[in-house]
PDB file of all heavy atoms in Angstrom:
ATOM      1  N   ALA A   1     -41.230  72.565  10.841  1.00  0.00           N
ATOM      2  CA  ALA A   1     -41.812  72.724  12.159  1.00  0.00           C
ATOM      3  C   ALA A   1     -42.209  71.359  12.766  1.00  0.00           C
ATOM      4  O   ALA A   1     -41.832  70.999  13.889  1.00  0.00           O
ATOM      5  CB  ALA A   1     -43.003  73.654  12.120  1.00  0.00           C
ATOM      6  N   ASP A   2     -43.002  70.591  11.987  1.00  0.00           N
ATOM      7  CA  ASP A   2     -43.418  69.257  12.504  1.00  0.00           C
ATOM      8  C   ASP A   2     -42.272  68.314  12.582  1.00  0.00           C
ATOM      9  O   ASP A   2     -42.237  67.432  13.457  1.00  0.00           O
ATOM     10  CB  ASP A   2     -44.548  68.686  11.648  1.00  0.00           C
ATOM     11  CG  ASP A   2     -45.898  69.326  11.942  1.00  0.00           C
ATOM     12  OD1 ASP A   2     -46.164  69.552  13.153  1.00  0.00           O
ATOM     13  OD2 ASP A   2     -46.660  69.611  10.993  1.00  0.00           O
ATOM     14  N   PHE A   3     -41.301  68.432  11.647  1.00  0.00           N
ATOM     15  CA  PHE A   3     -40.124  67.584  11.813  1.00  0.00           C
ATOM     16  C   PHE A   3     -39.343  67.967  13.072  1.00  0.00           C
ATOM     17  O   PHE A   3     -38.745  67.097  13.699  1.00  0.00           O
ATOM     18  CB  PHE A   3     -39.206  67.721  10.588  1.00  0.00           C
ATOM     19  CG  PHE A   3     -38.005  66.814  10.617  1.00  0.00           C
ATOM     20  CD1 PHE A   3     -38.138  65.449  10.403  1.00  0.00           C
ATOM     21  CD2 PHE A   3     -36.749  67.306  10.919  1.00  0.00           C
ATOM     22  CE1 PHE A   3     -37.055  64.585  10.470  1.00  0.00           C
ATOM     23  CE2 PHE A   3     -35.639  66.471  10.999  1.00  0.00           C
ATOM     24  CZ  PHE A   3     -35.804  65.102  10.751  1.00  0.00           C
ATOM     25  N   GLY A   4     -39.302  69.205  13.401  1.00  0.00           N
ATOM     26  CA  GLY A   4     -38.691  69.643  14.667  1.00  0.00           C
ATOM     27  C   GLY A   4     -39.351  68.951  15.850  1.00  0.00           C
ATOM     28  O   GLY A   4     -38.703  68.488  16.796  1.00  0.00           O
ATOM     29  N   ARG A   5     -40.734  68.916  15.858  1.00  0.00           N
ATOM     30  CA  ARG A   5     -41.411  68.215  16.914  1.00  0.00           C
ATOM     31  C   ARG A   5     -41.092  66.699  16.926  1.00  0.00           C
ATOM     32  O   ARG A   5     -40.897  66.101  17.974  1.00  0.00           O
ATOM     33  CB  ARG A   5     -42.951  68.410  16.752  1.00  0.00           C
ATOM     34  CG  ARG A   5     -43.441  69.843  16.954  1.00  0.00           C
ATOM     35  CD  ARG A   5     -44.931  69.937  16.790  1.00  0.00           C
ATOM     36  NE  ARG A   5     -45.393  71.292  17.044  1.00  0.00           N
ATOM     37  CZ  ARG A   5     -45.483  72.253  16.141  1.00  0.00           C
ATOM     38  NH1 ARG A   5     -45.115  72.015  14.900  1.00  0.00           N
ATOM     39  NH2 ARG A   5     -45.893  73.462  16.483  1.00  0.00           N
ATOM     40  N   PHE A   6     -41.102  66.106  15.706  1.00  0.00           N
ATOM     41  CA  PHE A   6     -40.766  64.687  15.587  1.00  0.00           C
ATOM     42  C   PHE A   6     -39.373  64.412  16.096  1.00  0.00           C
ATOM     43  O   PHE A   6     -39.160  63.462  16.872  1.00  0.00           O
ATOM     44  CB  PHE A   6     -40.876  64.284  14.131  1.00  0.00           C
ATOM     45  CG  PHE A   6     -40.315  62.947  13.797  1.00  0.00           C
ATOM     46  CD1 PHE A   6     -41.029  61.805  14.080  1.00  0.00           C
ATOM     47  CD2 PHE A   6     -39.069  62.797  13.209  1.00  0.00           C
ATOM     48  CE1 PHE A   6     -40.509  60.516  13.803  1.00  0.00           C
ATOM     49  CE2 PHE A   6     -38.516  61.554  12.915  1.00  0.00           C
ATOM     50  CZ  PHE A   6     -39.281  60.390  13.212  1.00  0.00           C
ATOM     51  N   ALA A   7     -38.378  65.256  15.749  1.00  0.00           N
ATOM     52  CA  ALA A   7     -37.027  65.032  16.183  1.00  0.00           C
ATOM     53  C   ALA A   7     -36.873  65.164  17.696  1.00  0.00           C
ATOM     54  O   ALA A   7     -36.141  64.417  18.388  1.00  0.00           O
ATOM     55  CB  ALA A   7     -36.061  65.985  15.471  1.00  0.00           C
ATOM     56  N   LEU A   8     -37.584  66.171  18.241  1.00  0.00           N
ATOM     57  CA  LEU A   8     -37.511  66.396  19.711  1.00  0.00           C
ATOM     58  C   LEU A   8     -38.134  65.205  20.439  1.00  0.00           C
ATOM     59  O   LEU A   8     -37.595  64.687  21.411  1.00  0.00           O
ATOM     60  CB  LEU A   8     -38.261  67.667  20.068  1.00  0.00           C
ATOM     61  CG  LEU A   8     -38.146  68.138  21.531  1.00  0.00           C
ATOM     62  CD1 LEU A   8     -36.694  68.425  21.869  1.00  0.00           C
ATOM     63  CD2 LEU A   8     -39.021  69.380  21.743  1.00  0.00           C
ATOM     64  N   GLY A   9     -39.292  64.697  19.980  1.00  0.00           N
ATOM     65  CA  GLY A   9     -39.897  63.522  20.591  1.00  0.00           C
ATOM     66  C   GLY A   9     -39.074  62.303  20.430  1.00  0.00           C
ATOM     67  O   GLY A   9     -38.962  61.482  21.370  1.00  0.00           O
ATOM     68  N   THR A  10     -38.457  62.122  19.259  1.00  0.00           N
ATOM     69  CA  THR A  10     -37.602  60.976  19.041  1.00  0.00           C
ATOM     70  C   THR A  10     -36.374  60.972  19.933  1.00  0.00           C
ATOM     71  O   THR A  10     -35.957  59.936  20.474  1.00  0.00           O
ATOM     72  CB  THR A  10     -37.166  60.916  17.565  1.00  0.00           C
ATOM     73  OG1 THR A  10     -38.317  60.799  16.724  1.00  0.00           O
ATOM     74  CG2 THR A  10     -36.277  59.732  17.296  1.00  0.00           C
ATOM     75  N   ALA A  11     -35.824  62.180  20.157  1.00  0.00           N
ATOM     76  CA  ALA A  11     -34.695  62.305  21.101  1.00  0.00           C
ATOM     77  C   ALA A  11     -35.121  61.874  22.503  1.00  0.00           C
ATOM     78  O   ALA A  11     -34.391  61.215  23.227  1.00  0.00           O
ATOM     79  CB  ALA A  11     -34.159  63.742  21.066  1.00  0.00           C
ATOM     80  N   GLY A  12     -36.367  62.238  22.869  1.00  0.00           N
ATOM     81  CA  GLY A  12     -36.895  61.794  24.164  1.00  0.00           C
ATOM     82  C   GLY A  12     -37.032  60.282  24.247  1.00  0.00           C
ATOM     83  O   GLY A  12     -36.755  59.634  25.257  1.00  0.00           O
ATOM     84  N   ALA A  13     -37.497  59.676  23.134  1.00  0.00           N
ATOM     85  CA  ALA A  13     -37.639  58.186  23.103  1.00  0.00           C
ATOM     86  C   ALA A  13     -36.293  57.514  23.234  1.00  0.00           C
ATOM     87  O   ALA A  13     -36.161  56.475  23.927  1.00  0.00           O
ATOM     88  CB  ALA A  13     -38.286  57.773  21.767  1.00  0.00           C
ATOM     89  N   VAL A  14     -35.253  58.061  22.603  1.00  0.00           N
ATOM     90  CA  VAL A  14     -33.912  57.516  22.714  1.00  0.00           C
ATOM     91  C   VAL A  14     -33.409  57.594  24.142  1.00  0.00           C
ATOM     92  O   VAL A  14     -32.795  56.649  24.665  1.00  0.00           O
ATOM     93  CB  VAL A  14     -32.980  58.228  21.734  1.00  0.00           C
ATOM     94  CG1 VAL A  14     -31.526  57.789  21.962  1.00  0.00           C
ATOM     95  CG2 VAL A  14     -33.363  57.922  20.303  1.00  0.00           C
ATOM     96  N   VAL A  15     -33.671  58.747  24.810  1.00  0.00           N
ATOM     97  CA  VAL A  15     -33.233  58.870  26.192  1.00  0.00           C
ATOM     98  C   VAL A  15     -33.919  57.812  27.052  1.00  0.00           C
ATOM     99  O   VAL A  15     -33.295  57.150  27.908  1.00  0.00           O
ATOM    100  CB  VAL A  15     -33.547  60.309  26.698  1.00  0.00           C
ATOM    101  CG1 VAL A  15     -33.366  60.359  28.218  1.00  0.00           C
ATOM    102  CG2 VAL A  15     -32.673  61.334  26.037  1.00  0.00           C
ATOM    103  N   LEU A  16     -35.256  57.625  26.872  1.00  0.00           N
ATOM    104  CA  LEU A  16     -35.984  56.621  27.670  1.00  0.00           C
ATOM    105  C   LEU A  16     -35.472  55.237  27.377  1.00  0.00           C
ATOM    106  O   LEU A  16     -35.310  54.411  28.310  1.00  0.00           O
ATOM    107  CB  LEU A  16     -37.477  56.727  27.334  1.00  0.00           C
ATOM    108  CG  LEU A  16     -38.257  57.871  27.919  1.00  0.00           C
ATOM    109  CD1 LEU A  16     -39.708  57.882  27.338  1.00  0.00           C
ATOM    110  CD2 LEU A  16     -38.336  57.729  29.420  1.00  0.00           C
ATOM    111  N   ASN A  17     -35.168  54.966  26.122  1.00  0.00           N
ATOM    112  CA  ASN A  17     -34.654  53.644  25.747  1.00  0.00           C
ATOM    113  C   ASN A  17     -33.336  53.370  26.464  1.00  0.00           C
ATOM    114  O   ASN A  17     -33.097  52.273  27.030  1.00  0.00           O
ATOM    115  CB  ASN A  17     -34.496  53.528  24.232  1.00  0.00           C
ATOM    116  CG  ASN A  17     -33.770  52.282  23.818  1.00  0.00           C
ATOM    117  OD1 ASN A  17     -34.207  51.169  24.127  1.00  0.00           O
ATOM    118  ND2 ASN A  17     -32.649  52.432  23.112  1.00  0.00           N
ATOM    119  N   ILE A  18     -32.460  54.343  26.441  1.00  0.00           N
ATOM    120  CA  ILE A  18     -31.162  54.164  27.090  1.00  0.00           C
ATOM    121  C   ILE A  18     -31.309  54.049  28.580  1.00  0.00           C
ATOM    122  O   ILE A  18     -30.706  53.164  29.217  1.00  0.00           O
ATOM    123  CB  ILE A  18     -30.222  55.329  26.702  1.00  0.00           C
ATOM    124  CG1 ILE A  18     -29.861  55.233  25.218  1.00  0.00           C
ATOM    125  CG2 ILE A  18     -28.951  55.304  27.550  1.00  0.00           C
ATOM    126  CD1 ILE A  18     -29.075  56.419  24.715  1.00  0.00           C
ATOM    127  N   LEU A  19     -32.137  54.881  29.132  1.00  0.00           N
ATOM    128  CA  LEU A  19     -32.306  54.876  30.591  1.00  0.00           C
ATOM    129  C   LEU A  19     -32.875  53.582  31.151  1.00  0.00           C
ATOM    130  O   LEU A  19     -32.440  53.043  32.152  1.00  0.00           O
ATOM    131  CB  LEU A  19     -33.235  56.053  30.984  1.00  0.00           C
ATOM    132  CG  LEU A  19     -33.498  56.248  32.474  1.00  0.00           C
ATOM    133  CD1 LEU A  19     -32.201  56.668  33.174  1.00  0.00           C
ATOM    134  CD2 LEU A  19     -34.542  57.334  32.662  1.00  0.00           C
ATOM    135  N   LEU A  20     -33.805  52.939  30.396  1.00  0.00           N
ATOM    136  CA  LEU A  20     -34.496  51.786  30.919  1.00  0.00           C
ATOM    137  C   LEU A  20     -34.064  50.466  30.303  1.00  0.00           C
ATOM    138  O   LEU A  20     -34.160  49.412  30.978  1.00  0.00           O
ATOM    139  CB  LEU A  20     -36.024  51.973  30.680  1.00  0.00           C
ATOM    140  CG  LEU A  20     -36.660  53.181  31.404  1.00  0.00           C
ATOM    141  CD1 LEU A  20     -38.099  53.314  31.017  1.00  0.00           C
ATOM    142  CD2 LEU A  20     -36.522  53.045  32.890  1.00  0.00           C
ATOM    143  N   PHE A  21     -33.632  50.475  29.007  1.00  0.00           N
ATOM    144  CA  PHE A  21     -33.356  49.187  28.352  1.00  0.00           C
ATOM    145  C   PHE A  21     -31.901  49.001  27.977  1.00  0.00           C
ATOM    146  O   PHE A  21     -31.500  47.875  27.654  1.00  0.00           O
ATOM    147  CB  PHE A  21     -34.196  49.103  27.053  1.00  0.00           C
ATOM    148  CG  PHE A  21     -35.693  49.073  27.307  1.00  0.00           C
ATOM    149  CD1 PHE A  21     -36.481  50.153  26.913  1.00  0.00           C
ATOM    150  CD2 PHE A  21     -36.278  48.011  27.888  1.00  0.00           C
ATOM    151  CE1 PHE A  21     -37.810  50.136  27.094  1.00  0.00           C
ATOM    152  CE2 PHE A  21     -37.633  47.950  28.066  1.00  0.00           C
ATOM    153  CZ  PHE A  21     -38.436  49.022  27.698  1.00  0.00           C
ATOM    154  N   GLU A  22     -31.105  50.056  28.014  1.00  0.00           N
ATOM    155  CA  GLU A  22     -29.698  49.917  27.516  1.00  0.00           C
ATOM    156  C   GLU A  22     -28.892  48.902  28.305  1.00  0.00           C
ATOM    157  O   GLU A  22     -28.047  48.201  27.760  1.00  0.00           O
ATOM    158  CB  GLU A  22     -29.041  51.263  27.528  1.00  0.00           C
ATOM    159  CG  GLU A  22     -27.618  51.297  27.037  1.00  0.00           C
ATOM    160  CD  GLU A  22     -27.480  51.187  25.526  1.00  0.00           C
ATOM    161  OE1 GLU A  22     -28.513  50.926  24.844  1.00  0.00           O
ATOM    162  OE2 GLU A  22     -26.364  51.301  25.028  1.00  0.00           O
ATOM    163  N   TRP A  23     -29.175  48.815  29.630  1.00  0.00           N
ATOM    164  CA  TRP A  23     -28.394  47.873  30.434  1.00  0.00           C
ATOM    165  C   TRP A  23     -28.665  46.431  29.999  1.00  0.00           C
ATOM    166  O   TRP A  23     -27.767  45.573  30.073  1.00  0.00           O
ATOM    167  CB  TRP A  23     -28.677  48.067  31.881  1.00  0.00           C
ATOM    168  CG  TRP A  23     -30.059  47.571  32.342  1.00  0.00           C
ATOM    169  CD1 TRP A  23     -31.212  48.307  32.241  1.00  0.00           C
ATOM    170  CD2 TRP A  23     -30.362  46.342  32.923  1.00  0.00           C
ATOM    171  NE1 TRP A  23     -32.248  47.556  32.720  1.00  0.00           N
ATOM    172  CE2 TRP A  23     -31.770  46.339  33.160  1.00  0.00           C
ATOM    173  CE3 TRP A  23     -29.657  45.233  33.306  1.00  0.00           C
ATOM    174  CZ2 TRP A  23     -32.421  45.264  33.763  1.00  0.00           C
ATOM    175  CZ3 TRP A  23     -30.280  44.148  33.859  1.00  0.00           C
ATOM    176  CH2 TRP A  23     -31.672  44.181  34.086  1.00  0.00           C
ATOM    177  N   LEU A  24     -29.859  46.149  29.454  1.00  0.00           N
ATOM    178  CA  LEU A  24     -30.161  44.818  28.921  1.00  0.00           C
ATOM    179  C   LEU A  24     -29.351  44.553  27.700  1.00  0.00           C
ATOM    180  O   LEU A  24     -28.790  43.440  27.537  1.00  0.00           O
ATOM    181  CB  LEU A  24     -31.663  44.717  28.651  1.00  0.00           C
ATOM    182  CG  LEU A  24     -32.600  44.695  29.840  1.00  0.00           C
ATOM    183  CD1 LEU A  24     -34.046  44.861  29.361  1.00  0.00           C
ATOM    184  CD2 LEU A  24     -32.437  43.401  30.607  1.00  0.00           C
ATOM    185  N   ARG A  25     -29.286  45.501  26.807  1.00  0.00           N
ATOM    186  CA  ARG A  25     -28.497  45.320  25.590  1.00  0.00           C
ATOM    187  C   ARG A  25     -27.023  45.176  25.902  1.00  0.00           C
ATOM    188  O   ARG A  25     -26.346  44.278  25.366  1.00  0.00           O
ATOM    189  CB  ARG A  25     -28.709  46.509  24.647  1.00  0.00           C
ATOM    190  CG  ARG A  25     -28.025  46.354  23.284  1.00  0.00           C
ATOM    191  CD  ARG A  25     -27.978  47.644  22.494  1.00  0.00           C
ATOM    192  NE  ARG A  25     -27.115  48.627  23.096  1.00  0.00           N
ATOM    193  CZ  ARG A  25     -25.790  48.618  22.967  1.00  0.00           C
ATOM    194  NH1 ARG A  25     -25.155  47.693  22.306  1.00  0.00           N
ATOM    195  NH2 ARG A  25     -25.062  49.584  23.558  1.00  0.00           N
ATOM    196  N   LEU A  26     -26.539  45.990  26.803  1.00  0.00           N
ATOM    197  CA  LEU A  26     -25.135  45.904  27.167  1.00  0.00           C
ATOM    198  C   LEU A  26     -24.795  44.561  27.848  1.00  0.00           C
ATOM    199  O   LEU A  26     -23.778  43.928  27.571  1.00  0.00           O
ATOM    200  CB  LEU A  26     -24.752  47.007  28.165  1.00  0.00           C
ATOM    201  CG  LEU A  26     -24.734  48.422  27.537  1.00  0.00           C
ATOM    202  CD1 LEU A  26     -24.670  49.482  28.655  1.00  0.00           C
ATOM    203  CD2 LEU A  26     -23.556  48.561  26.614  1.00  0.00           C
ATOM    204  N   SER A  27     -25.686  44.075  28.683  1.00  0.00           N
ATOM    205  CA  SER A  27     -25.488  42.756  29.345  1.00  0.00           C
ATOM    206  C   SER A  27     -25.511  41.637  28.356  1.00  0.00           C
ATOM    207  O   SER A  27     -24.697  40.720  28.430  1.00  0.00           O
ATOM    208  CB  SER A  27     -26.564  42.564  30.421  1.00  0.00           C
ATOM    209  OG  SER A  27     -26.491  43.546  31.443  1.00  0.00           O
ATOM    210  N   ALA A  28     -26.419  41.726  27.365  1.00  0.00           N
ATOM    211  CA  ALA A  28     -26.443  40.664  26.318  1.00  0.00           C
ATOM    212  C   ALA A  28     -25.176  40.703  25.499  1.00  0.00           C
ATOM    213  O   ALA A  28     -24.601  39.651  25.164  1.00  0.00           O
ATOM    214  CB  ALA A  28     -27.690  40.849  25.446  1.00  0.00           C
ATOM    215  N   THR A  29     -24.696  41.905  25.211  1.00  0.00           N
ATOM    216  CA  THR A  29     -23.498  42.042  24.375  1.00  0.00           C
ATOM    217  C   THR A  29     -22.260  41.542  25.103  1.00  0.00           C
ATOM    218  O   THR A  29     -21.398  40.871  24.533  1.00  0.00           O
ATOM    219  CB  THR A  29     -23.267  43.535  23.984  1.00  0.00           C
ATOM    220  OG1 THR A  29     -24.428  43.975  23.278  1.00  0.00           O
ATOM    221  CG2 THR A  29     -22.037  43.690  23.105  1.00  0.00           C
ATOM    222  N   ARG A  30     -22.195  41.795  26.423  1.00  0.00           N
ATOM    223  CA  ARG A  30     -20.970  41.433  27.169  1.00  0.00           C
ATOM    224  C   ARG A  30     -20.985  40.039  27.815  1.00  0.00           C
ATOM    225  O   ARG A  30     -19.993  39.379  27.868  1.00  0.00           O
ATOM    226  CB  ARG A  30     -20.778  42.505  28.310  1.00  0.00           C
ATOM    227  CG  ARG A  30     -19.513  42.279  29.179  1.00  0.00           C
ATOM    228  CD  ARG A  30     -18.283  42.426  28.339  1.00  0.00           C
ATOM    229  NE  ARG A  30     -17.065  42.178  29.104  1.00  0.00           N
ATOM    230  CZ  ARG A  30     -16.487  41.025  29.269  1.00  0.00           C
ATOM    231  NH1 ARG A  30     -17.063  39.929  28.793  1.00  0.00           N
ATOM    232  NH2 ARG A  30     -15.364  40.896  29.973  1.00  0.00           N
ATOM    233  N   PHE A  31     -22.178  39.552  28.220  1.00  0.00           N
ATOM    234  CA  PHE A  31     -22.236  38.347  28.996  1.00  0.00           C
ATOM    235  C   PHE A  31     -22.997  37.172  28.318  1.00  0.00           C
ATOM    236  O   PHE A  31     -23.057  36.099  28.883  1.00  0.00           O
ATOM    237  CB  PHE A  31     -22.867  38.626  30.367  1.00  0.00           C
ATOM    238  CG  PHE A  31     -22.142  39.634  31.188  1.00  0.00           C
ATOM    239  CD1 PHE A  31     -22.565  40.934  31.317  1.00  0.00           C
ATOM    240  CD2 PHE A  31     -20.969  39.281  31.828  1.00  0.00           C
ATOM    241  CE1 PHE A  31     -21.900  41.873  32.073  1.00  0.00           C
ATOM    242  CE2 PHE A  31     -20.280  40.197  32.590  1.00  0.00           C
ATOM    243  CZ  PHE A  31     -20.725  41.486  32.735  1.00  0.00           C
ATOM    244  N   TYR A  32     -23.587  37.401  27.169  1.00  0.00           N
ATOM    245  CA  TYR A  32     -24.316  36.347  26.488  1.00  0.00           C
ATOM    246  C   TYR A  32     -23.486  35.880  25.240  1.00  0.00           C
ATOM    247  O   TYR A  32     -22.864  36.709  24.589  1.00  0.00           O
ATOM    248  CB  TYR A  32     -25.706  36.855  26.055  1.00  0.00           C
ATOM    249  CG  TYR A  32     -26.557  35.793  25.407  1.00  0.00           C
ATOM    250  CD1 TYR A  32     -27.232  34.831  26.139  1.00  0.00           C
ATOM    251  CD2 TYR A  32     -26.801  35.835  24.012  1.00  0.00           C
ATOM    252  CE1 TYR A  32     -28.038  33.894  25.527  1.00  0.00           C
ATOM    253  CE2 TYR A  32     -27.631  34.907  23.406  1.00  0.00           C
ATOM    254  CZ  TYR A  32     -28.236  33.933  24.165  1.00  0.00           C
ATOM    255  OH  TYR A  32     -29.046  33.015  23.533  1.00  0.00           O
ATOM    256  N   SER A  33     -23.551  34.602  24.977  1.00  0.00           N
ATOM    257  CA  SER A  33     -22.860  34.079  23.818  1.00  0.00           C
ATOM    258  C   SER A  33     -23.402  32.697  23.517  1.00  0.00           C
ATOM    259  O   SER A  33     -24.263  32.162  24.247  1.00  0.00           O
ATOM    260  CB  SER A  33     -21.313  33.943  24.125  1.00  0.00           C
ATOM    261  OG  SER A  33     -21.072  33.057  25.145  1.00  0.00           O
ATOM    262  N   ALA A  34     -22.897  32.094  22.446  1.00  0.00           N
ATOM    263  CA  ALA A  34     -23.341  30.714  22.118  1.00  0.00           C
ATOM    264  C   ALA A  34     -22.996  29.763  23.243  1.00  0.00           C
ATOM    265  O   ALA A  34     -23.719  28.849  23.615  1.00  0.00           O
ATOM    266  CB  ALA A  34     -22.731  30.267  20.804  1.00  0.00           C
ATOM    267  N   ARG A  35     -21.813  29.975  23.873  1.00  0.00           N
ATOM    268  CA  ARG A  35     -21.403  29.116  24.997  1.00  0.00           C
ATOM    269  C   ARG A  35     -22.292  29.308  26.187  1.00  0.00           C
ATOM    270  O   ARG A  35     -22.737  28.318  26.790  1.00  0.00           O
ATOM    271  CB  ARG A  35     -19.962  29.426  25.412  1.00  0.00           C
ATOM    272  CG  ARG A  35     -19.408  28.562  26.512  1.00  0.00           C
ATOM    273  CD  ARG A  35     -18.198  29.149  27.185  1.00  0.00           C
ATOM    274  NE  ARG A  35     -18.529  30.387  27.857  1.00  0.00           N
ATOM    275  CZ  ARG A  35     -19.094  30.436  29.067  1.00  0.00           C
ATOM    276  NH1 ARG A  35     -19.406  29.301  29.709  1.00  0.00           N
ATOM    277  NH2 ARG A  35     -19.336  31.597  29.624  1.00  0.00           N
ATOM    278  N   VAL A  36     -22.632  30.565  26.505  1.00  0.00           N
ATOM    279  CA  VAL A  36     -23.513  30.822  27.636  1.00  0.00           C
ATOM    280  C   VAL A  36     -24.904  30.294  27.401  1.00  0.00           C
ATOM    281  O   VAL A  36     -25.592  29.788  28.300  1.00  0.00           O
ATOM    282  CB  VAL A  36     -23.578  32.366  27.923  1.00  0.00           C
ATOM    283  CG1 VAL A  36     -24.679  32.750  28.879  1.00  0.00           C
ATOM    284  CG2 VAL A  36     -22.200  32.870  28.405  1.00  0.00           C
ATOM    285  N   ARG A  37     -25.315  30.333  26.134  1.00  0.00           N
ATOM    286  CA  ARG A  37     -26.660  29.790  25.787  1.00  0.00           C
ATOM    287  C   ARG A  37     -26.783  28.324  26.182  1.00  0.00           C
ATOM    288  O   ARG A  37     -27.850  27.847  26.600  1.00  0.00           O
ATOM    289  CB  ARG A  37     -26.885  29.966  24.297  1.00  0.00           C
ATOM    290  CG  ARG A  37     -28.282  29.525  23.781  1.00  0.00           C
ATOM    291  CD  ARG A  37     -28.430  29.857  22.327  1.00  0.00           C
ATOM    292  NE  ARG A  37     -29.792  29.574  21.850  1.00  0.00           N
ATOM    293  CZ  ARG A  37     -30.126  28.459  21.270  1.00  0.00           C
ATOM    294  NH1 ARG A  37     -29.234  27.498  21.006  1.00  0.00           N
ATOM    295  NH2 ARG A  37     -31.381  28.259  20.858  1.00  0.00           N
ATOM    296  N   GLU A  38     -25.690  27.548  26.037  1.00  0.00           N
ATOM    297  CA  GLU A  38     -25.685  26.123  26.340  1.00  0.00           C
ATOM    298  C   GLU A  38     -25.417  25.891  27.840  1.00  0.00           C
ATOM    299  O   GLU A  38     -26.088  25.086  28.450  1.00  0.00           O
ATOM    300  CB  GLU A  38     -24.698  25.390  25.486  1.00  0.00           C
ATOM    301  CG  GLU A  38     -24.935  25.465  23.979  1.00  0.00           C
ATOM    302  CD  GLU A  38     -26.285  24.831  23.599  1.00  0.00           C
ATOM    303  OE1 GLU A  38     -26.655  23.863  24.245  1.00  0.00           O
ATOM    304  OE2 GLU A  38     -26.897  25.316  22.640  1.00  0.00           O
ATOM    305  N   ALA A  39     -24.426  26.622  28.344  1.00  0.00           N
ATOM    306  CA  ALA A  39     -23.961  26.334  29.707  1.00  0.00           C
ATOM    307  C   ALA A  39     -24.746  27.034  30.803  1.00  0.00           C
ATOM    308  O   ALA A  39     -24.896  26.504  31.914  1.00  0.00           O
ATOM    309  CB  ALA A  39     -22.445  26.688  29.821  1.00  0.00           C
ATOM    310  N   GLU A  40     -25.199  28.226  30.542  1.00  0.00           N
ATOM    311  CA  GLU A  40     -25.937  29.032  31.550  1.00  0.00           C
ATOM    312  C   GLU A  40     -27.212  29.621  30.958  1.00  0.00           C
ATOM    313  O   GLU A  40     -27.327  30.887  30.841  1.00  0.00           O
ATOM    314  CB  GLU A  40     -25.014  30.135  32.084  1.00  0.00           C
ATOM    315  CG  GLU A  40     -23.744  29.598  32.681  1.00  0.00           C
ATOM    316  CD  GLU A  40     -22.757  30.744  32.993  1.00  0.00           C
ATOM    317  OE1 GLU A  40     -22.117  31.275  32.080  1.00  0.00           O
ATOM    318  OE2 GLU A  40     -22.643  31.080  34.182  1.00  0.00           O
ATOM    319  N   PRO A  41     -28.147  28.825  30.548  1.00  0.00           N
ATOM    320  CA  PRO A  41     -29.327  29.307  29.864  1.00  0.00           C
ATOM    321  C   PRO A  41     -30.207  30.212  30.711  1.00  0.00           C
ATOM    322  O   PRO A  41     -31.048  30.992  30.178  1.00  0.00           O
ATOM    323  CB  PRO A  41     -30.071  28.028  29.462  1.00  0.00           C
ATOM    324  CG  PRO A  41     -29.578  27.010  30.423  1.00  0.00           C
ATOM    325  CD  PRO A  41     -28.194  27.370  30.686  1.00  0.00           C
ATOM    326  N   TRP A  42     -30.094  30.176  31.999  1.00  0.00           N
ATOM    327  CA  TRP A  42     -30.911  30.983  32.864  1.00  0.00           C
ATOM    328  C   TRP A  42     -30.559  32.461  32.735  1.00  0.00           C
ATOM    329  O   TRP A  42     -31.408  33.342  33.074  1.00  0.00           O
ATOM    330  CB  TRP A  42     -30.757  30.549  34.311  1.00  0.00           C
ATOM    331  CG  TRP A  42     -29.338  30.444  34.762  1.00  0.00           C
ATOM    332  CD1 TRP A  42     -28.519  29.374  34.667  1.00  0.00           C
ATOM    333  CD2 TRP A  42     -28.553  31.452  35.374  1.00  0.00           C
ATOM    334  NE1 TRP A  42     -27.277  29.627  35.204  1.00  0.00           N
ATOM    335  CE2 TRP A  42     -27.270  30.925  35.629  1.00  0.00           C
ATOM    336  CE3 TRP A  42     -28.821  32.794  35.737  1.00  0.00           C
ATOM    337  CZ2 TRP A  42     -26.270  31.676  36.226  1.00  0.00           C
ATOM    338  CZ3 TRP A  42     -27.787  33.539  36.297  1.00  0.00           C
ATOM    339  CH2 TRP A  42     -26.540  32.956  36.552  1.00  0.00           C
ATOM    340  N   ILE A  43     -29.390  32.804  32.233  1.00  0.00           N
ATOM    341  CA  ILE A  43     -29.036  34.224  32.034  1.00  0.00           C
ATOM    342  C   ILE A  43     -29.992  34.858  31.045  1.00  0.00           C
ATOM    343  O   ILE A  43     -30.521  35.960  31.246  1.00  0.00           O
ATOM    344  CB  ILE A  43     -27.549  34.341  31.599  1.00  0.00           C
ATOM    345  CG1 ILE A  43     -26.626  34.055  32.767  1.00  0.00           C
ATOM    346  CG2 ILE A  43     -27.252  35.757  31.015  1.00  0.00           C
ATOM    347  CD1 ILE A  43     -25.132  34.156  32.448  1.00  0.00           C
ATOM    348  N   ARG A  44     -30.214  34.206  29.912  1.00  0.00           N
ATOM    349  CA  ARG A  44     -31.143  34.735  28.958  1.00  0.00           C
ATOM    350  C   ARG A  44     -32.537  34.845  29.511  1.00  0.00           C
ATOM    351  O   ARG A  44     -33.239  35.831  29.236  1.00  0.00           O
ATOM    352  CB  ARG A  44     -31.137  33.821  27.692  1.00  0.00           C
ATOM    353  CG  ARG A  44     -32.253  34.053  26.677  1.00  0.00           C
ATOM    354  CD  ARG A  44     -32.142  35.390  25.957  1.00  0.00           C
ATOM    355  NE  ARG A  44     -33.308  35.620  25.153  1.00  0.00           N
ATOM    356  CZ  ARG A  44     -33.528  35.115  23.931  1.00  0.00           C
ATOM    357  NH1 ARG A  44     -32.598  34.307  23.383  1.00  0.00           N
ATOM    358  NH2 ARG A  44     -34.607  35.397  23.255  1.00  0.00           N
TER     359      ARG A  44
END
């Protein structure tokens, strides 16, 4: 029963994370690199 509550709440946390923060992770994955770190540091 309590694990069911925990799993339901965790699923909600994952939805919030994706909704609000996922675009940051995706942008870092696609547009940030060692080259960008040196040439365009303002992106980070």
